[in-house]
Amino acid sequence: MLLLEIEEVGSLTRAAERVASSQPAVTNALADLESMFGSPLFERTTRGMVPTSLGEAVLARARVITQNIEHLVCDMEVIASGHAPKVHIGVTPYVSGEMLSKAIRQTPSQAGRELAFSVHEGANDLLLKQLQDHALDVVIGRASPKLGTERLRFVVLRQQYPRLIASRRLASRLARTPLNWQKLAELDWVLSAPQTQMREQVSDIFLAAGLVPPVPIIESPSPKLIGELVVASERLVSIVPDDIAEELARISGVSIVPYSFDWTLPPIAIFTRAGEPERPANIIFAESVHNVCRATPT
């Protein structure tokens, strides 16, 4: 849309080039829009065209419309290929891959057509922002009191509990002694990135024990990579959710150290947008996720 082009390039001349039009035509089109809204949408500054407060509000709606049009075009292409509409799913790194793949496989067809899926992995806050902006249809992530959920609705899927993972030999050695945070702090760690909920909670537990949190020698959001690194080292450990630890034990051969921690992680939940009618495809997929989680022991 023209307004989005003007915002992105900050210039009527360059926006005209983007939309293959002339600068006077773009100027007139913007003037017509501003007349319709009864107020300027952009302010001319030394930094270029900057949205006014009204312009920001209009642009926010324009982004939603653009995303919906893009999804509609995508749905039309998918339907033409013989499938039902595509469901755009956002997933945080510590969501069980086995759970997600099972939910996708078990999602029933819609009107005789198999649903199509697009899976996007990312940080919780970013995915929820993309959900609110209509870039995603569903997010499977962490529920937290810190989240602004006025525009979201969510249902908790399962509680996750922290587990310490290590190579088989290191886990066997650690299991012979009671939990000792000082000893754990002296080991090498692989953890998720700073400012993530998992990383913050690991830091908090060391601080509560009066210790400086370990500085990880490797930071990674990938549970699979964490498992491969841990299993190949005699000094490397990590803390991951219990269902992820069990998957890594089966896939990578890590061992779970039998320690009990007196803290829990924010629960895994499925998020959709509040105040909007749900697409049938989204409802069908969400029900499949619920069914898989109900059938999985916690």
C-alpha atoms as a PDB file:
ATOM      1  CA  MET A   1       0.000   0.000   0.000  1.00  0.00           C
ATOM      2  CA  LEU A   2       1.120   3.549  -0.756  1.00  0.00           C
ATOM      3  CA  LEU A   3       1.180   4.666   2.886  1.00  0.00           C
ATOM      4  CA  LEU A   4       3.437   1.770   3.857  1.00  0.00           C
ATOM      5  CA  GLU A   5       5.827   2.601   1.010  1.00  0.00           C
ATOM      6  CA  ILE A   6       6.010   6.247   2.126  1.00  0.00           C
ATOM      7  CA  GLU A   7       6.712   5.163   5.703  1.00  0.00           C
ATOM      8  CA  GLU A   8       9.439   2.738   4.636  1.00  0.00           C
ATOM      9  CA  VAL A   9      11.391   5.066   2.321  1.00  0.00           C
ATOM     10  CA  GLY A  10      10.491   8.408   3.954  1.00  0.00           C
ATOM     11  CA  SER A  11      10.178  10.169   0.605  1.00  0.00           C
ATOM     12  CA  LEU A  12       7.357  10.803  -1.858  1.00  0.00           C
ATOM     13  CA  THR A  13       9.781  10.634  -4.779  1.00  0.00           C
ATOM     14  CA  ARG A  14      11.170   7.234  -3.785  1.00  0.00           C
ATOM     15  CA  ALA A  15       7.698   5.971  -2.886  1.00  0.00           C
ATOM     16  CA  ALA A  16       6.568   6.933  -6.396  1.00  0.00           C
ATOM     17  CA  GLU A  17       9.435   4.897  -7.849  1.00  0.00           C
ATOM     18  CA  ARG A  18       8.439   1.922  -5.683  1.00  0.00           C
ATOM     19  CA  VAL A  19       4.849   1.943  -6.954  1.00  0.00           C
ATOM     20  CA  ALA A  20       5.829   2.797 -10.552  1.00  0.00           C
ATOM     21  CA  SER A  21       4.057   6.142 -10.489  1.00  0.00           C
ATOM     22  CA  SER A  22       4.971   9.822 -10.651  1.00  0.00           C
ATOM     23  CA  GLN A  23       5.772  12.018  -7.679  1.00  0.00           C
ATOM     24  CA  PRO A  24       2.844  14.418  -8.397  1.00  0.00           C
ATOM     25  CA  ALA A  25       0.433  11.473  -8.577  1.00  0.00           C
ATOM     26  CA  VAL A  26       1.664  10.128  -5.225  1.00  0.00           C
ATOM     27  CA  THR A  27       1.450  13.620  -3.695  1.00  0.00           C
ATOM     28  CA  ASN A  28      -2.151  13.962  -4.880  1.00  0.00           C
ATOM     29  CA  ALA A  29      -3.041  10.478  -3.624  1.00  0.00           C
ATOM     30  CA  LEU A  30      -1.640  11.281  -0.173  1.00  0.00           C
ATOM     31  CA  ALA A  31      -3.502  14.611  -0.147  1.00  0.00           C
ATOM     32  CA  ASP A  32      -6.754  12.789  -0.960  1.00  0.00           C
ATOM     33  CA  LEU A  33      -6.182  10.333   1.895  1.00  0.00           C
ATOM     34  CA  GLU A  34      -5.360  13.113   4.356  1.00  0.00           C
ATOM     35  CA  SER A  35      -8.491  14.975   3.239  1.00  0.00           C
ATOM     36  CA  MET A  36     -10.539  11.828   3.826  1.00  0.00           C
ATOM     37  CA  PHE A  37      -9.120  11.428   7.351  1.00  0.00           C
ATOM     38  CA  GLY A  38      -9.348  15.157   8.037  1.00  0.00           C
ATOM     39  CA  SER A  39      -5.790  15.477   9.308  1.00  0.00           C
ATOM     40  CA  PRO A  40      -2.184  15.044   8.086  1.00  0.00           C
ATOM     41  CA  LEU A  41      -0.867  11.481   8.078  1.00  0.00           C
ATOM     42  CA  PHE A  42       2.791  12.441   7.597  1.00  0.00           C
ATOM     43  CA  GLU A  43       4.969  15.308   8.728  1.00  0.00           C
ATOM     44  CA  ARG A  44       7.789  16.589   6.528  1.00  0.00           C
ATOM     45  CA  THR A  45      11.008  16.761   8.560  1.00  0.00           C
ATOM     46  CA  THR A  46      14.749  16.847   7.943  1.00  0.00           C
ATOM     47  CA  ARG A  47      14.618  13.067   8.390  1.00  0.00           C
ATOM     48  CA  GLY A  48      12.049  12.741   5.635  1.00  0.00           C
ATOM     49  CA  MET A  49       8.356  11.891   5.843  1.00  0.00           C
ATOM     50  CA  VAL A  50       7.508  10.879   9.416  1.00  0.00           C
ATOM     51  CA  PRO A  51       4.052   9.523  10.403  1.00  0.00           C
ATOM     52  CA  THR A  52       1.897  11.675  12.671  1.00  0.00           C
ATOM     53  CA  SER A  53      -0.005  10.078  15.559  1.00  0.00           C
ATOM     54  CA  LEU A  54      -2.990   9.583  13.258  1.00  0.00           C
ATOM     55  CA  GLY A  55      -0.646   8.286  10.584  1.00  0.00           C
ATOM     56  CA  GLU A  56       0.739   5.665  12.983  1.00  0.00           C
ATOM     57  CA  ALA A  57      -2.799   4.467  13.749  1.00  0.00           C
ATOM     58  CA  VAL A  58      -3.705   4.274  10.053  1.00  0.00           C
ATOM     59  CA  LEU A  59      -0.437   2.500   9.223  1.00  0.00           C
ATOM     60  CA  ALA A  60      -1.062  -0.098  11.934  1.00  0.00           C
ATOM     61  CA  ARG A  61      -4.406  -0.939  10.321  1.00  0.00           C
ATOM     62  CA  ALA A  62      -2.840  -0.874   6.867  1.00  0.00           C
ATOM     63  CA  ARG A  63      -0.275  -3.474   7.946  1.00  0.00           C
ATOM     64  CA  VAL A  64      -3.067  -5.754   9.164  1.00  0.00           C
ATOM     65  CA  ILE A  65      -4.939  -5.365   5.876  1.00  0.00           C
ATOM     66  CA  THR A  66      -1.758  -6.073   3.910  1.00  0.00           C
ATOM     67  CA  GLN A  67      -1.018  -9.195   5.964  1.00  0.00           C
ATOM     68  CA  ASN A  68      -4.576 -10.427   5.501  1.00  0.00           C
ATOM     69  CA  ILE A  69      -4.380  -9.885   1.744  1.00  0.00           C
ATOM     70  CA  GLU A  70      -1.058 -11.738   1.588  1.00  0.00           C
ATOM     71  CA  HIS A  71      -2.530 -14.631   3.572  1.00  0.00           C
ATOM     72  CA  LEU A  72      -5.599 -14.642   1.314  1.00  0.00           C
ATOM     73  CA  VAL A  73      -3.389 -14.865  -1.787  1.00  0.00           C
ATOM     74  CA  CYS A  74      -1.445 -17.676  -0.094  1.00  0.00           C
ATOM     75  CA  ASP A  75      -4.704 -19.473   0.764  1.00  0.00           C
ATOM     76  CA  MET A  76      -5.909 -19.151  -2.828  1.00  0.00           C
ATOM     77  CA  GLU A  77      -2.672 -20.679  -4.140  1.00  0.00           C
ATOM     78  CA  VAL A  78      -2.823 -23.521  -1.604  1.00  0.00           C
ATOM     79  CA  ILE A  79      -6.501 -24.237  -2.330  1.00  0.00           C
ATOM     80  CA  ALA A  80      -5.757 -24.265  -6.064  1.00  0.00           C
ATOM     81  CA  SER A  81      -3.138 -26.958  -5.397  1.00  0.00           C
ATOM     82  CA  GLY A  82      -5.755 -29.163  -3.718  1.00  0.00           C
ATOM     83  CA  HIS A  83      -5.099 -28.310  -0.055  1.00  0.00           C
ATOM     84  CA  ALA A  84      -7.134 -26.427   2.527  1.00  0.00           C
ATOM     85  CA  PRO A  85      -5.932 -22.951   3.662  1.00  0.00           C
ATOM     86  CA  LYS A  86      -2.490 -22.626   5.236  1.00  0.00           C
ATOM     87  CA  VAL A  87      -2.064 -22.175   9.002  1.00  0.00           C
ATOM     88  CA  HIS A  88       0.861 -19.916   9.948  1.00  0.00           C
ATOM     89  CA  ILE A  89       2.252 -21.183  13.273  1.00  0.00           C
ATOM     90  CA  GLY A  90       4.747 -19.453  15.558  1.00  0.00           C
ATOM     91  CA  VAL A  91       6.729 -21.673  17.940  1.00  0.00           C
ATOM     92  CA  THR A  92       9.208 -20.788  20.690  1.00  0.00           C
ATOM     93  CA  PRO A  93      12.420 -22.878  20.808  1.00  0.00           C
ATOM     94  CA  TYR A  94      11.545 -24.916  23.912  1.00  0.00           C
ATOM     95  CA  VAL A  95       8.260 -26.245  22.559  1.00  0.00           C
ATOM     96  CA  SER A  96       8.393 -30.001  22.014  1.00  0.00           C
ATOM     97  CA  GLY A  97       9.099 -30.824  18.379  1.00  0.00           C
ATOM     98  CA  GLU A  98       7.525 -34.252  18.853  1.00  0.00           C
ATOM     99  CA  MET A  99       4.322 -32.653  20.156  1.00  0.00           C
ATOM    100  CA  LEU A 100       4.161 -30.185  17.265  1.00  0.00           C
ATOM    101  CA  SER A 101       4.857 -32.770  14.562  1.00  0.00           C
ATOM    102  CA  LYS A 102       2.265 -35.127  16.051  1.00  0.00           C
ATOM    103  CA  ALA A 103      -0.319 -32.308  16.187  1.00  0.00           C
ATOM    104  CA  ILE A 104       0.325 -31.436  12.536  1.00  0.00           C
ATOM    105  CA  ARG A 105       0.109 -35.088  11.444  1.00  0.00           C
ATOM    106  CA  GLN A 106      -3.107 -35.633  13.383  1.00  0.00           C
ATOM    107  CA  THR A 107      -4.854 -32.446  12.230  1.00  0.00           C
ATOM    108  CA  PRO A 108      -7.932 -33.623  10.313  1.00  0.00           C
ATOM    109  CA  SER A 109      -8.716 -32.430   6.811  1.00  0.00           C
ATOM    110  CA  GLN A 110     -11.095 -29.531   6.189  1.00  0.00           C
ATOM    111  CA  ALA A 111     -13.889 -30.220   3.698  1.00  0.00           C
ATOM    112  CA  GLY A 112     -11.893 -33.143   2.321  1.00  0.00           C
ATOM    113  CA  ARG A 113      -8.704 -31.102   1.839  1.00  0.00           C
ATOM    114  CA  GLU A 114      -5.483 -31.527   3.808  1.00  0.00           C
ATOM    115  CA  LEU A 115      -4.417 -28.389   5.691  1.00  0.00           C
ATOM    116  CA  ALA A 116      -1.108 -26.761   4.778  1.00  0.00           C
ATOM    117  CA  PHE A 117       1.241 -25.368   7.434  1.00  0.00           C
ATOM    118  CA  SER A 118       4.001 -22.790   7.741  1.00  0.00           C
ATOM    119  CA  VAL A 119       6.064 -23.002  10.952  1.00  0.00           C
ATOM    120  CA  HIS A 120       8.107 -20.035  12.201  1.00  0.00           C
ATOM    121  CA  GLU A 121      10.449 -20.326  15.191  1.00  0.00           C
ATOM    122  CA  GLY A 122      11.440 -17.286  17.227  1.00  0.00           C
ATOM    123  CA  ALA A 123      11.468 -15.475  20.555  1.00  0.00           C
ATOM    124  CA  ASN A 124       8.212 -15.442  22.508  1.00  0.00           C
ATOM    125  CA  ASP A 125       7.703 -11.653  22.470  1.00  0.00           C
ATOM    126  CA  LEU A 126       8.473 -11.376  18.757  1.00  0.00           C
ATOM    127  CA  LEU A 127       6.070 -14.170  17.824  1.00  0.00           C
ATOM    128  CA  LEU A 128       3.239 -12.676  19.887  1.00  0.00           C
ATOM    129  CA  LYS A 129       3.833  -9.304  18.216  1.00  0.00           C
ATOM    130  CA  GLN A 130       3.626 -11.022  14.812  1.00  0.00           C
ATOM    131  CA  LEU A 131       0.404 -12.720  15.921  1.00  0.00           C
ATOM    132  CA  GLN A 132      -1.122  -9.360  16.856  1.00  0.00           C
ATOM    133  CA  ASP A 133       0.048  -7.938  13.505  1.00  0.00           C
ATOM    134  CA  HIS A 134      -1.698 -10.810  11.655  1.00  0.00           C
ATOM    135  CA  ALA A 135       1.590 -12.220  10.338  1.00  0.00           C
ATOM    136  CA  LEU A 136       0.843 -15.452  12.254  1.00  0.00           C
ATOM    137  CA  ASP A 137      -2.405 -17.309  12.940  1.00  0.00           C
ATOM    138  CA  VAL A 138      -1.410 -19.230  16.074  1.00  0.00           C
ATOM    139  CA  VAL A 139       1.517 -19.098  18.501  1.00  0.00           C
ATOM    140  CA  ILE A 140       2.632 -21.898  20.802  1.00  0.00           C
ATOM    141  CA  GLY A 141       4.728 -20.165  23.440  1.00  0.00           C
ATOM    142  CA  ARG A 142       5.039 -19.279  27.093  1.00  0.00           C
ATOM    143  CA  ALA A 143       2.303 -17.658  29.142  1.00  0.00           C
ATOM    144  CA  SER A 144       3.599 -15.057  31.560  1.00  0.00           C
ATOM    145  CA  PRO A 145       2.144 -12.272  33.750  1.00  0.00           C
ATOM    146  CA  LYS A 146       4.580  -9.909  31.987  1.00  0.00           C
ATOM    147  CA  LEU A 147       2.790 -10.339  28.661  1.00  0.00           C
ATOM    148  CA  GLY A 148       0.263  -7.758  27.589  1.00  0.00           C
ATOM    149  CA  THR A 149      -2.543 -10.143  26.699  1.00  0.00           C
ATOM    150  CA  GLU A 150      -5.405  -7.662  26.154  1.00  0.00           C
ATOM    151  CA  ARG A 151      -5.388  -8.420  22.418  1.00  0.00           C
ATOM    152  CA  LEU A 152      -4.655 -12.123  22.882  1.00  0.00           C
ATOM    153  CA  ARG A 153      -6.455 -15.150  24.182  1.00  0.00           C
ATOM    154  CA  PHE A 154      -4.600 -18.217  25.328  1.00  0.00           C
ATOM    155  CA  VAL A 155      -5.135 -21.648  26.802  1.00  0.00           C
ATOM    156  CA  VAL A 156      -2.441 -23.375  28.859  1.00  0.00           C
ATOM    157  CA  LEU A 157      -1.323 -26.634  27.255  1.00  0.00           C
ATOM    158  CA  ARG A 158       1.109 -28.012  29.794  1.00  0.00           C
ATOM    159  CA  GLN A 159       3.402 -27.114  32.666  1.00  0.00           C
ATOM    160  CA  GLN A 160       7.132 -27.594  32.126  1.00  0.00           C
ATOM    161  CA  TYR A 161       9.669 -28.456  34.820  1.00  0.00           C
ATOM    162  CA  PRO A 162      13.423 -27.794  34.608  1.00  0.00           C
ATOM    163  CA  ARG A 163      15.842 -30.671  34.145  1.00  0.00           C
ATOM    164  CA  LEU A 164      19.636 -30.706  34.211  1.00  0.00           C
ATOM    165  CA  ILE A 165      21.160 -32.583  31.273  1.00  0.00           C
ATOM    166  CA  ALA A 166      24.730 -33.803  30.806  1.00  0.00           C
ATOM    167  CA  SER A 167      26.708 -36.525  29.072  1.00  0.00           C
ATOM    168  CA  ARG A 168      26.254 -40.022  30.474  1.00  0.00           C
ATOM    169  CA  ARG A 169      29.535 -40.059  32.424  1.00  0.00           C
ATOM    170  CA  LEU A 170      29.112 -36.543  33.815  1.00  0.00           C
ATOM    171  CA  ALA A 171      25.481 -37.189  34.768  1.00  0.00           C
ATOM    172  CA  SER A 172      26.492 -40.382  36.575  1.00  0.00           C
ATOM    173  CA  ARG A 173      29.147 -38.493  38.517  1.00  0.00           C
ATOM    174  CA  LEU A 174      26.789 -35.640  39.455  1.00  0.00           C
ATOM    175  CA  ALA A 175      24.050 -38.052  40.531  1.00  0.00           C
ATOM    176  CA  ARG A 176      26.289 -39.512  43.253  1.00  0.00           C
ATOM    177  CA  THR A 177      26.141 -36.282  45.278  1.00  0.00           C
ATOM    178  CA  PRO A 178      23.319 -33.977  46.396  1.00  0.00           C
ATOM    179  CA  LEU A 179      22.497 -30.890  44.347  1.00  0.00           C
ATOM    180  CA  ASN A 180      25.305 -28.370  44.831  1.00  0.00           C
ATOM    181  CA  TRP A 181      24.915 -25.079  42.968  1.00  0.00           C
ATOM    182  CA  GLN A 182      28.522 -24.088  43.680  1.00  0.00           C
ATOM    183  CA  LYS A 183      29.784 -27.246  41.945  1.00  0.00           C
ATOM    184  CA  LEU A 184      27.397 -26.688  39.036  1.00  0.00           C
ATOM    185  CA  ALA A 185      28.596 -23.102  38.650  1.00  0.00           C
ATOM    186  CA  GLU A 186      32.131 -24.414  38.140  1.00  0.00           C
ATOM    187  CA  LEU A 187      31.084 -26.496  35.115  1.00  0.00           C
ATOM    188  CA  ASP A 188      30.772 -25.266  31.529  1.00  0.00           C
ATOM    189  CA  TRP A 189      27.289 -24.248  30.448  1.00  0.00           C
ATOM    190  CA  VAL A 190      25.310 -23.958  27.231  1.00  0.00           C
ATOM    191  CA  LEU A 191      22.225 -21.791  27.632  1.00  0.00           C
ATOM    192  CA  SER A 192      19.667 -19.873  25.620  1.00  0.00           C
ATOM    193  CA  ALA A 193      20.214 -16.206  24.778  1.00  0.00           C
ATOM    194  CA  PRO A 194      20.056 -13.408  27.391  1.00  0.00           C
ATOM    195  CA  GLN A 195      16.630 -11.871  28.115  1.00  0.00           C
ATOM    196  CA  THR A 196      14.865 -15.156  27.391  1.00  0.00           C
ATOM    197  CA  GLN A 197      12.662 -16.561  30.159  1.00  0.00           C
ATOM    198  CA  MET A 198      14.704 -19.754  30.480  1.00  0.00           C
ATOM    199  CA  ARG A 199      18.003 -17.871  30.772  1.00  0.00           C
ATOM    200  CA  GLU A 200      16.594 -15.407  33.312  1.00  0.00           C
ATOM    201  CA  GLN A 201      15.279 -18.192  35.531  1.00  0.00           C
ATOM    202  CA  VAL A 202      18.590 -20.060  35.480  1.00  0.00           C
ATOM    203  CA  SER A 203      20.345 -16.819  36.474  1.00  0.00           C
ATOM    204  CA  ASP A 204      17.798 -16.172  39.235  1.00  0.00           C
ATOM    205  CA  ILE A 205      18.321 -19.589  40.819  1.00  0.00           C
ATOM    206  CA  PHE A 206      22.084 -19.050  41.062  1.00  0.00           C
ATOM    207  CA  LEU A 207      21.561 -15.564  42.495  1.00  0.00           C
ATOM    208  CA  ALA A 208      19.136 -16.996  45.067  1.00  0.00           C
ATOM    209  CA  ALA A 209      21.901 -19.399  46.118  1.00  0.00           C
ATOM    210  CA  GLY A 210      24.238 -16.434  46.599  1.00  0.00           C
ATOM    211  CA  LEU A 211      26.299 -17.264  43.505  1.00  0.00           C
ATOM    212  CA  VAL A 212      27.225 -15.421  40.355  1.00  0.00           C
ATOM    213  CA  PRO A 213      25.311 -17.035  37.457  1.00  0.00           C
ATOM    214  CA  PRO A 214      27.597 -19.004  35.131  1.00  0.00           C
ATOM    215  CA  VAL A 215      28.588 -17.327  31.888  1.00  0.00           C
ATOM    216  CA  PRO A 216      27.789 -19.868  29.169  1.00  0.00           C
ATOM    217  CA  ILE A 217      30.586 -20.804  26.810  1.00  0.00           C
ATOM    218  CA  ILE A 218      27.894 -21.336  24.153  1.00  0.00           C
ATOM    219  CA  GLU A 219      24.539 -19.608  23.676  1.00  0.00           C
ATOM    220  CA  SER A 220      21.982 -21.291  21.440  1.00  0.00           C
ATOM    221  CA  PRO A 221      18.190 -21.291  21.061  1.00  0.00           C
ATOM    222  CA  SER A 222      18.289 -24.772  19.492  1.00  0.00           C
ATOM    223  CA  PRO A 223      17.531 -27.681  21.851  1.00  0.00           C
ATOM    224  CA  LYS A 224      18.871 -30.118  19.240  1.00  0.00           C
ATOM    225  CA  LEU A 225      22.234 -28.331  19.105  1.00  0.00           C
ATOM    226  CA  ILE A 226      22.333 -28.102  22.904  1.00  0.00           C
ATOM    227  CA  GLY A 227      21.814 -31.858  23.129  1.00  0.00           C
ATOM    228  CA  GLU A 228      24.555 -32.614  20.606  1.00  0.00           C
ATOM    229  CA  LEU A 229      27.022 -30.329  22.397  1.00  0.00           C
ATOM    230  CA  VAL A 230      26.233 -31.670  25.869  1.00  0.00           C
ATOM    231  CA  VAL A 231      26.487 -35.344  24.931  1.00  0.00           C
ATOM    232  CA  ALA A 232      29.947 -34.808  23.418  1.00  0.00           C
ATOM    233  CA  SER A 233      31.462 -33.058  26.457  1.00  0.00           C
ATOM    234  CA  GLU A 234      32.617 -34.171  29.898  1.00  0.00           C
ATOM    235  CA  ARG A 235      32.143 -30.681  31.385  1.00  0.00           C
ATOM    236  CA  LEU A 236      29.152 -29.180  29.592  1.00  0.00           C
ATOM    237  CA  VAL A 237      25.690 -29.020  31.162  1.00  0.00           C
ATOM    238  CA  SER A 238      22.410 -27.270  30.465  1.00  0.00           C
ATOM    239  CA  ILE A 239      18.971 -26.831  31.994  1.00  0.00           C
ATOM    240  CA  VAL A 240      16.034 -27.462  29.666  1.00  0.00           C
ATOM    241  CA  PRO A 241      12.311 -28.255  30.153  1.00  0.00           C
ATOM    242  CA  ASP A 242      11.476 -31.823  31.136  1.00  0.00           C
ATOM    243  CA  ASP A 243       9.774 -32.825  27.876  1.00  0.00           C
ATOM    244  CA  ILE A 244      12.680 -31.397  25.875  1.00  0.00           C
ATOM    245  CA  ALA A 245      15.152 -33.275  28.111  1.00  0.00           C
ATOM    246  CA  GLU A 246      13.296 -36.530  27.456  1.00  0.00           C
ATOM    247  CA  GLU A 247      13.321 -35.899  23.695  1.00  0.00           C
ATOM    248  CA  LEU A 248      17.065 -35.153  23.776  1.00  0.00           C
ATOM    249  CA  ALA A 249      17.678 -38.327  25.776  1.00  0.00           C
ATOM    250  CA  ARG A 250      15.989 -40.321  22.994  1.00  0.00           C
ATOM    251  CA  ILE A 251      17.414 -38.375  20.046  1.00  0.00           C
ATOM    252  CA  SER A 252      20.887 -37.248  21.173  1.00  0.00           C
ATOM    253  CA  GLY A 253      21.661 -39.650  24.010  1.00  0.00           C
ATOM    254  CA  VAL A 254      21.994 -37.051  26.780  1.00  0.00           C
ATOM    255  CA  SER A 255      21.385 -38.139  30.360  1.00  0.00           C
ATOM    256  CA  ILE A 256      19.030 -36.422  32.777  1.00  0.00           C
ATOM    257  CA  VAL A 257      20.588 -35.783  36.182  1.00  0.00           C
ATOM    258  CA  PRO A 258      18.018 -36.867  38.820  1.00  0.00           C
ATOM    259  CA  TYR A 259      17.905 -33.538  40.660  1.00  0.00           C
ATOM    260  CA  SER A 260      14.636 -31.958  41.778  1.00  0.00           C
ATOM    261  CA  PHE A 261      14.391 -28.189  41.463  1.00  0.00           C
ATOM    262  CA  ASP A 262      12.004 -26.138  43.579  1.00  0.00           C
ATOM    263  CA  TRP A 263      11.003 -23.853  40.711  1.00  0.00           C
ATOM    264  CA  THR A 264       8.939 -24.205  37.558  1.00  0.00           C
ATOM    265  CA  LEU A 265       8.931 -22.596  34.149  1.00  0.00           C
ATOM    266  CA  PRO A 266       6.100 -20.458  32.760  1.00  0.00           C
ATOM    267  CA  PRO A 267       3.585 -22.850  31.194  1.00  0.00           C
ATOM    268  CA  ILE A 268       3.367 -23.575  27.490  1.00  0.00           C
ATOM    269  CA  ALA A 269       0.179 -22.131  25.997  1.00  0.00           C
ATOM    270  CA  ILE A 270      -1.483 -21.730  22.619  1.00  0.00           C
ATOM    271  CA  PHE A 271      -2.240 -18.117  21.668  1.00  0.00           C
ATOM    272  CA  THR A 272      -4.717 -16.650  19.187  1.00  0.00           C
ATOM    273  CA  ARG A 273      -6.015 -13.113  18.640  1.00  0.00           C
ATOM    274  CA  ALA A 274      -8.829 -11.902  20.883  1.00  0.00           C
ATOM    275  CA  GLY A 275     -11.929 -10.155  19.579  1.00  0.00           C
ATOM    276  CA  GLU A 276     -11.834 -11.721  16.111  1.00  0.00           C
ATOM    277  CA  PRO A 277     -13.690 -14.656  14.563  1.00  0.00           C
ATOM    278  CA  GLU A 278     -11.396 -17.649  14.205  1.00  0.00           C
ATOM    279  CA  ARG A 279     -10.646 -19.201  10.815  1.00  0.00           C
ATOM    280  CA  PRO A 280     -11.923 -22.797  10.723  1.00  0.00           C
ATOM    281  CA  ALA A 281      -8.414 -24.016   9.818  1.00  0.00           C
ATOM    282  CA  ASN A 282      -6.970 -22.386  12.952  1.00  0.00           C
ATOM    283  CA  ILE A 283      -9.647 -23.960  15.142  1.00  0.00           C
ATOM    284  CA  ILE A 284      -9.014 -27.415  13.678  1.00  0.00           C
ATOM    285  CA  PHE A 285      -5.250 -27.150  14.277  1.00  0.00           C
ATOM    286  CA  ALA A 286      -5.687 -25.783  17.831  1.00  0.00           C
ATOM    287  CA  GLU A 287      -7.982 -28.697  18.690  1.00  0.00           C
ATOM    288  CA  SER A 288      -5.362 -31.123  17.392  1.00  0.00           C
ATOM    289  CA  VAL A 289      -2.722 -29.506  19.630  1.00  0.00           C
ATOM    290  CA  HIS A 290      -5.041 -29.789  22.644  1.00  0.00           C
ATOM    291  CA  ASN A 291      -5.750 -33.452  21.890  1.00  0.00           C
ATOM    292  CA  VAL A 292      -2.048 -34.314  21.634  1.00  0.00           C
ATOM    293  CA  CYS A 293      -1.247 -32.515  24.897  1.00  0.00           C
ATOM    294  CA  ARG A 294      -4.131 -34.193  26.725  1.00  0.00           C
ATOM    295  CA  ALA A 295      -2.888 -37.590  25.562  1.00  0.00           C
ATOM    296  CA  THR A 296       0.691 -36.878  26.674  1.00  0.00           C
ATOM    297  CA  PRO A 297       1.545 -37.572  30.344  1.00  0.00           C
ATOM    298  CA  THR A 298       2.935 -34.561  32.238  1.00  0.00           C
END
